[in-house]
Amino acid sequence: MLLAAQVAAQEISLLGGGTYEHTQDEASYGWQLEYAHALGEHAYASFSWLNEGHVPNHHRDGHAAQVWARTLLFERRLSLAAGLGPYRFYDTTQAERGAGYDDDHGWGLLYSAAATWYAQGRWLINLHANRTRTPGSSESTTLLAGVGYQLEAPRSRGPVSEPRTVTASTTANEVSLFLGRSILNSFGSEGANVASVEYRRTLGVHLDGTLGWIYEGDNHVIRRQGLTTQLWLARAFPGRRLVLGVGAGPYVALTRCTSCAGDQQRAHTLAIAVTVSASYRLDPPWLARISWNRLVTDYNRDSDVILLGLGYRF
C-alpha cells in the first residue's frame, strides 16, 4: 500500500497469455492488469493483479508491487525493463482432508522482464514474462502480451519520466450505490447477485477513507453481509474526471453457512477487504464507479465482489 501511494498509475495495461506451472508440469491461461508510474528516465514502479489460471488443484492469483529498471531505445519508442517485488497470492487448493478445498494465502517474489513499444498517440504494446518464487506453494512462469494506454499525455515520444505534481485532493464527500456479482473462491466458483452502499471522504491529497455495507447474496454455500471500512491511496488524472485507487481494511460480516448444522450456521466473522476501484465523473455532481473487492478470510470462504454503481459528490 505504501508503494502504491507513489505508483498511482500513468500507464494502465491489460495482458493475456499462458501459464506454465513447474511443480506439476501443467499449463493454463493467464492474465494481468498493471498500473505503472515513472520514477525517472530509467526507473518506474508498478502495482499489478496477476491471475495464473486454473491448473489441477491450483486456482491462483494475487497482487504484486514491483520496482523496475529500464533502458530506452529507438528514440524512446522501445522500453526494455526488468522488475522485482513482493507477490501476495491467493490460491484455491485441494483440501488436505476430504473432497473440499482450502483458500491458501501467502507471500512470495515476482521476477519480471518486459518489452514495451510506444505507438502513435498514447497507446502502447506490452510483452511480459513473469516468474514466481513462492516457497510452500506452486511456482509458475507466465508469458503475456497486451495493450496499454498512457493516462497522462507525455511531453515527447515514449514514457513519461517526470509525472505532473498533484496538489488537490481526489474526493470531497461521496455516496455511491452499487449492484454486482460475488464469486466464491472455490473449485465451483459459486456466484450470487450483490448490492452495496458506500460513503467516501477525502483525508488528504492521495488519501481517502470509506465506510460501506456489502450484501453478498446467497450462493448456496454461504450467505454473507457486513460492514467494511477502508483506507485508500488514490490519484486523479488530468481533467480530474478519472480517479484510480487501491484500498484495504477490515470486513466485519454476519455469515450464514447453508451447508452447516446447528450453531455453526450463523456466525460473526472478520475478514480483510482489498479493493481496486476507478471512478469517472459525469455531469457534476454525478459519477460512475467500478470496484473489484477481494474478501480474504481465514475460514476458506474467500470471494470476489465486483460492483458497478452510481455516485453523488457533495
Protein backbone atom coordinates (compact mmCIF):
# COMPACT_ATOMS: atom_id res chain seq x y z
CA MET A 1 0.00 0.00 0.00
CA LEU A 2 2.83 2.41 0.80
CA LEU A 3 4.41 1.70 -2.59
CA ALA A 4 1.06 2.19 -4.29
CA ALA A 5 0.96 5.75 -2.94
CA GLN A 6 3.82 6.51 -5.29
CA VAL A 7 2.63 4.40 -8.21
CA ALA A 8 -0.75 5.94 -8.90
CA ALA A 9 -0.68 4.89 -12.47
CA GLN A 10 0.27 6.96 -15.52
CA GLU A 11 0.04 3.84 -17.69
CA ILE A 12 -2.53 1.07 -17.48
CA SER A 13 -2.14 -2.22 -19.35
CA LEU A 14 -4.20 -5.37 -19.81
CA LEU A 15 -2.31 -8.51 -20.88
CA GLY A 16 -3.26 -12.11 -21.59
CA GLY A 17 -1.45 -15.32 -22.45
CA GLY A 18 -0.37 -18.58 -20.86
CA THR A 19 0.84 -20.00 -17.55
CA TYR A 20 3.24 -22.91 -17.04
CA GLU A 21 3.15 -24.48 -13.55
CA HIS A 22 6.53 -26.06 -12.82
CA THR A 23 5.70 -28.44 -9.97
CA GLN A 24 3.00 -30.39 -11.83
CA ASP A 25 4.24 -29.72 -15.39
CA GLU A 26 0.83 -28.25 -16.30
CA ALA A 27 -0.27 -25.33 -18.48
CA SER A 28 -3.22 -22.94 -18.30
CA TYR A 29 -4.21 -19.43 -19.30
CA GLY A 30 -3.00 -16.27 -17.54
CA TRP A 31 -3.76 -12.56 -17.50
CA GLN A 32 -2.55 -9.41 -15.78
CA LEU A 33 -3.80 -5.89 -15.08
CA GLU A 34 -0.94 -3.46 -14.42
CA TYR A 35 -0.57 0.15 -13.30
CA ALA A 36 2.80 1.82 -13.87
CA HIS A 37 4.34 5.10 -12.71
CA ALA A 38 7.65 6.68 -13.66
CA LEU A 39 10.38 7.19 -11.08
CA GLY A 40 12.73 8.78 -13.62
CA GLU A 41 14.06 8.20 -17.11
CA HIS A 42 15.40 4.73 -16.30
CA ALA A 43 13.16 3.50 -13.49
CA TYR A 44 9.49 3.00 -12.74
CA ALA A 45 7.24 1.17 -10.27
CA SER A 46 4.12 -0.93 -10.82
CA PHE A 47 1.14 -2.40 -8.99
CA SER A 48 -0.46 -5.44 -10.63
CA TRP A 49 -3.13 -8.08 -10.37
CA LEU A 50 -1.85 -11.38 -11.78
CA ASN A 51 -4.17 -14.33 -12.49
CA GLU A 52 -2.27 -17.57 -13.08
CA GLY A 53 -5.22 -19.53 -14.45
CA HIS A 54 -6.52 -22.94 -13.41
CA VAL A 55 -4.11 -25.86 -13.23
CA PRO A 56 -5.14 -29.06 -11.40
CA ASN A 57 -5.75 -28.30 -7.69
CA HIS A 58 -4.46 -24.72 -8.01
CA HIS A 59 -6.51 -21.64 -8.92
CA ARG A 60 -4.10 -18.86 -8.00
CA ASP A 61 -3.96 -15.09 -8.38
CA GLY A 62 -2.72 -12.12 -6.38
CA HIS A 63 -1.34 -8.60 -6.05
CA ALA A 64 2.25 -7.62 -6.86
CA ALA A 65 4.22 -4.41 -6.33
CA GLN A 66 7.47 -4.10 -8.28
CA VAL A 67 10.34 -1.70 -8.92
CA TRP A 68 11.78 -1.74 -12.44
CA ALA A 69 14.99 -0.68 -14.16
CA ARG A 70 14.72 0.09 -17.90
CA THR A 71 16.60 1.26 -20.94
CA LEU A 72 15.00 3.23 -23.78
CA LEU A 73 15.89 2.58 -27.43
CA PHE A 74 14.90 3.82 -30.90
CA GLU A 75 14.32 7.43 -29.85
CA ARG A 76 12.42 6.32 -26.70
CA ARG A 77 9.94 4.19 -28.64
CA LEU A 78 11.08 0.87 -27.12
CA SER A 79 11.47 0.18 -23.37
CA LEU A 80 13.28 -2.94 -22.14
CA ALA A 81 12.87 -3.47 -18.40
CA ALA A 82 13.44 -5.91 -15.52
CA GLY A 83 11.41 -5.80 -12.30
CA LEU A 84 11.26 -7.42 -8.87
CA GLY A 85 8.89 -7.19 -5.93
CA PRO A 86 6.62 -8.91 -3.39
CA TYR A 87 3.73 -11.09 -4.53
CA ARG A 88 0.73 -11.60 -2.23
CA PHE A 89 -1.03 -14.67 -3.60
CA TYR A 90 -4.42 -16.31 -3.01
CA ASP A 91 -4.62 -19.97 -4.06
CA THR A 92 -7.66 -22.26 -4.12
CA THR A 93 -6.18 -25.72 -3.47
CA GLN A 94 -7.36 -29.25 -2.76
CA ALA A 95 -8.19 -29.72 0.92
CA GLU A 96 -5.79 -31.94 2.88
CA ARG A 97 -8.77 -33.91 4.18
CA GLY A 98 -11.97 -34.77 2.35
CA ALA A 99 -13.11 -33.64 -1.06
CA GLY A 100 -13.33 -29.94 -0.30
CA TYR A 101 -10.96 -27.06 -0.92
CA ASP A 102 -8.74 -24.65 1.01
CA ASP A 103 -8.09 -20.95 0.36
CA ASP A 104 -4.33 -20.76 0.81
CA HIS A 105 -2.68 -17.34 1.28
CA GLY A 106 1.00 -16.47 1.26
CA TRP A 107 3.85 -14.22 0.21
CA GLY A 108 6.44 -14.72 -2.48
CA LEU A 109 8.52 -12.85 -5.03
CA LEU A 110 7.65 -11.95 -8.60
CA TYR A 111 10.52 -11.56 -11.11
CA SER A 112 9.60 -9.99 -14.44
CA ALA A 113 11.00 -8.84 -17.77
CA ALA A 114 9.06 -6.55 -20.09
CA ALA A 115 9.31 -5.02 -23.55
CA THR A 116 7.06 -2.04 -24.32
CA TRP A 117 6.58 -0.38 -27.70
CA TYR A 118 5.15 3.17 -27.64
CA ALA A 119 2.91 3.56 -30.68
CA GLN A 120 1.13 6.63 -32.02
CA GLY A 121 -0.75 8.78 -29.53
CA ARG A 122 -0.90 7.34 -26.02
CA TRP A 123 -1.21 3.67 -26.98
CA LEU A 124 1.45 1.08 -26.22
CA ILE A 125 2.08 -2.65 -26.78
CA ASN A 126 3.39 -4.80 -23.91
CA LEU A 127 5.17 -8.16 -23.68
CA HIS A 128 5.72 -9.60 -20.19
CA ALA A 129 7.47 -12.66 -18.77
CA ASN A 130 6.83 -13.35 -15.06
CA ARG A 131 8.40 -15.93 -12.74
CA THR A 132 7.00 -16.57 -9.26
CA ARG A 133 9.03 -17.77 -6.26
CA THR A 134 6.54 -18.90 -3.60
CA PRO A 135 8.00 -21.37 -1.05
CA GLY A 136 5.42 -23.90 0.08
CA SER A 137 3.15 -23.27 -2.90
CA SER A 138 3.22 -23.89 -6.64
CA GLU A 139 5.66 -21.91 -8.80
CA SER A 140 4.94 -20.72 -12.29
CA THR A 141 6.04 -18.81 -15.37
CA THR A 142 3.59 -16.61 -17.28
CA LEU A 143 4.12 -15.25 -20.81
CA LEU A 144 1.72 -12.40 -21.62
CA ALA A 145 1.05 -9.85 -24.34
CA GLY A 146 -1.34 -6.92 -24.36
CA VAL A 147 -2.07 -3.27 -24.92
CA GLY A 148 -1.83 -0.23 -22.68
CA TYR A 149 -2.75 3.42 -22.52
CA GLN A 150 -0.93 6.45 -21.08
CA LEU A 151 -3.29 8.20 -18.66
CA GLU A 152 -1.06 11.27 -18.66
CA ALA A 153 -0.01 12.71 -22.02
CA PRO A 154 3.79 12.50 -22.47
CA ARG A 155 5.76 15.61 -23.40
CA SER A 156 7.63 13.60 -26.04
CA ARG A 157 7.54 10.16 -27.66
CA GLY A 158 7.82 7.32 -25.15
CA PRO A 159 7.08 7.04 -21.42
CA VAL A 160 6.52 9.90 -19.01
CA SER A 161 9.72 10.34 -16.99
CA GLU A 162 8.62 13.17 -14.66
CA PRO A 163 4.97 12.90 -13.55
CA ARG A 164 2.99 16.07 -13.03
CA THR A 165 2.52 17.03 -9.38
CA VAL A 166 -0.98 16.66 -7.97
CA THR A 167 -1.84 19.07 -5.15
CA ALA A 168 -5.64 18.83 -4.93
CA SER A 169 -7.49 16.01 -3.16
CA THR A 170 -9.46 13.50 -5.21
CA THR A 171 -12.77 13.47 -3.31
CA ALA A 172 -14.80 15.74 -1.02
CA ASN A 173 -17.79 13.66 0.13
CA GLU A 174 -19.25 10.90 -2.00
CA VAL A 175 -22.13 8.44 -1.60
CA SER A 176 -22.46 5.53 -4.06
CA LEU A 177 -24.98 2.74 -4.61
CA PHE A 178 -23.82 -0.48 -6.29
CA LEU A 179 -25.11 -3.66 -7.86
CA GLY A 180 -22.89 -6.52 -8.92
CA ARG A 181 -21.85 -10.14 -8.60
CA SER A 182 -19.99 -12.19 -5.98
CA ILE A 183 -17.84 -15.20 -6.91
CA LEU A 184 -16.75 -17.66 -4.22
CA ASN A 185 -13.08 -18.68 -4.46
CA SER A 186 -13.81 -22.41 -4.71
CA PHE A 187 -13.44 -25.01 -7.44
CA GLY A 188 -17.13 -24.45 -8.26
CA SER A 189 -16.88 -20.61 -8.36
CA GLU A 190 -20.41 -20.29 -6.95
CA GLY A 191 -21.91 -16.86 -7.62
CA ALA A 192 -24.72 -14.60 -6.43
CA ASN A 193 -26.15 -11.15 -7.10
CA VAL A 194 -24.97 -8.48 -4.67
CA ALA A 195 -25.74 -4.93 -3.56
CA SER A 196 -23.67 -2.37 -1.69
CA VAL A 197 -23.65 1.21 -0.42
CA GLU A 198 -20.52 3.28 0.30
CA TYR A 199 -19.63 6.64 1.82
CA ARG A 200 -16.25 8.11 0.82
CA ARG A 201 -14.41 11.14 2.17
CA THR A 202 -11.05 12.71 1.42
CA LEU A 203 -8.41 12.56 4.17
CA GLY A 204 -5.53 14.04 2.17
CA VAL A 205 -4.22 14.72 -1.33
CA HIS A 206 -3.81 10.99 -2.09
CA LEU A 207 -5.73 9.50 0.84
CA ASP A 208 -9.43 8.61 1.09
CA GLY A 209 -11.46 6.78 3.71
CA THR A 210 -14.64 4.75 3.13
CA LEU A 211 -17.39 3.18 5.19
CA GLY A 212 -19.64 0.71 3.41
CA TRP A 213 -22.10 -2.17 3.59
CA ILE A 214 -21.95 -5.21 1.29
CA TYR A 215 -24.66 -7.82 0.84
CA GLU A 216 -23.05 -10.78 -0.95
CA GLY A 217 -26.24 -12.70 -1.69
CA ASP A 218 -26.80 -16.45 -1.31
CA ASN A 219 -24.60 -18.70 -3.45
CA HIS A 220 -25.91 -21.89 -1.77
CA VAL A 221 -22.67 -22.27 0.19
CA ILE A 222 -22.78 -19.13 2.35
CA ARG A 223 -24.97 -16.07 2.70
CA ARG A 224 -22.93 -13.14 3.96
CA GLN A 225 -23.27 -9.41 4.55
CA GLY A 226 -21.34 -6.92 6.59
CA LEU A 227 -19.62 -3.61 7.28
CA THR A 228 -16.40 -2.53 5.56
CA THR A 229 -14.08 0.33 6.42
CA GLN A 230 -11.01 1.03 4.28
CA LEU A 231 -8.15 3.45 3.76
CA TRP A 232 -7.40 4.30 0.13
CA LEU A 233 -4.47 5.58 -1.87
CA ALA A 234 -5.94 7.46 -4.84
CA ARG A 235 -4.98 9.84 -7.64
CA ALA A 236 -6.90 11.99 -10.11
CA PHE A 237 -5.59 12.41 -13.65
CA PRO A 238 -5.56 15.44 -15.96
CA GLY A 239 -9.04 16.89 -16.24
CA ARG A 240 -9.83 15.29 -12.86
CA ARG A 241 -12.59 13.16 -14.34
CA LEU A 242 -10.77 9.83 -13.89
CA VAL A 243 -9.69 8.71 -10.40
CA LEU A 244 -7.92 5.42 -9.64
CA GLY A 245 -7.38 3.95 -6.19
CA VAL A 246 -6.45 0.91 -4.12
CA GLY A 247 -7.85 0.32 -0.64
CA ALA A 248 -7.71 -2.16 2.23
CA GLY A 249 -9.41 -2.63 5.58
CA PRO A 250 -11.47 -4.90 7.84
CA TYR A 251 -14.75 -6.51 6.80
CA VAL A 252 -16.99 -7.44 9.75
CA ALA A 253 -19.67 -9.82 8.48
CA LEU A 254 -22.66 -11.83 9.57
CA THR A 255 -22.22 -15.18 7.84
CA ARG A 256 -24.76 -17.95 7.39
CA CYS A 257 -23.33 -21.29 6.28
CA THR A 258 -26.10 -23.03 4.33
CA SER A 259 -24.24 -26.35 4.39
CA CYS A 260 -23.52 -26.34 8.14
CA ALA A 261 -25.63 -27.64 11.01
CA GLY A 262 -26.68 -26.31 14.40
CA ASP A 263 -24.74 -23.47 15.99
CA GLN A 264 -22.30 -23.31 13.07
CA GLN A 265 -24.97 -21.99 10.73
CA ARG A 266 -24.64 -18.35 11.84
CA ALA A 267 -21.52 -16.53 12.99
CA HIS A 268 -19.94 -13.10 13.09
CA THR A 269 -16.68 -13.22 11.16
CA LEU A 270 -13.77 -10.89 10.46
CA ALA A 271 -12.13 -10.73 7.04
CA ILE A 272 -9.95 -8.30 5.10
CA ALA A 273 -11.21 -6.42 2.05
CA VAL A 274 -8.63 -5.47 -0.61
CA THR A 275 -10.11 -3.35 -3.39
CA VAL A 276 -9.11 -1.65 -6.63
CA SER A 277 -11.51 0.99 -7.90
CA ALA A 278 -11.96 3.51 -10.70
CA SER A 279 -14.42 6.39 -10.89
CA TYR A 280 -15.34 8.67 -13.78
CA ARG A 281 -17.03 11.98 -13.16
CA LEU A 282 -20.13 12.59 -15.24
CA ASP A 283 -22.03 15.89 -15.19
CA PRO A 284 -21.40 17.36 -11.71
CA PRO A 285 -22.12 16.15 -9.11
CA TRP A 286 -22.66 12.61 -10.52
CA LEU A 287 -20.06 9.91 -11.13
CA ALA A 288 -19.83 6.26 -12.19
CA ARG A 289 -17.66 3.86 -10.17
CA ILE A 290 -16.48 0.27 -10.64
CA SER A 291 -14.83 -1.65 -7.78
CA TRP A 292 -13.29 -5.10 -7.53
CA ASN A 293 -13.15 -6.41 -3.96
CA ARG A 294 -11.16 -9.44 -2.83
CA LEU A 295 -12.57 -10.54 0.55
CA VAL A 296 -9.87 -12.54 2.34
CA THR A 297 -10.96 -14.93 5.13
CA ASP A 298 -9.29 -17.40 7.49
CA TYR A 299 -12.06 -19.99 7.12
CA ASN A 300 -11.80 -20.88 3.39
CA ARG A 301 -14.58 -18.64 2.14
CA ASP A 302 -12.67 -16.00 0.16
CA SER A 303 -14.71 -14.27 -2.53
CA ASP A 304 -14.51 -11.66 -5.27
CA VAL A 305 -17.20 -8.99 -5.26
CA ILE A 306 -17.40 -6.95 -8.47
CA LEU A 307 -19.53 -3.79 -8.17
CA LEU A 308 -20.78 -1.18 -10.63
CA GLY A 309 -22.53 1.88 -9.27
CA LEU A 310 -23.61 5.49 -9.44
CA GLY A 311 -22.32 8.08 -7.00
CA TYR A 312 -23.14 11.61 -5.86
CA ARG A 313 -20.49 14.12 -4.70
CA PHE A 314 -21.18 16.92 -2.24
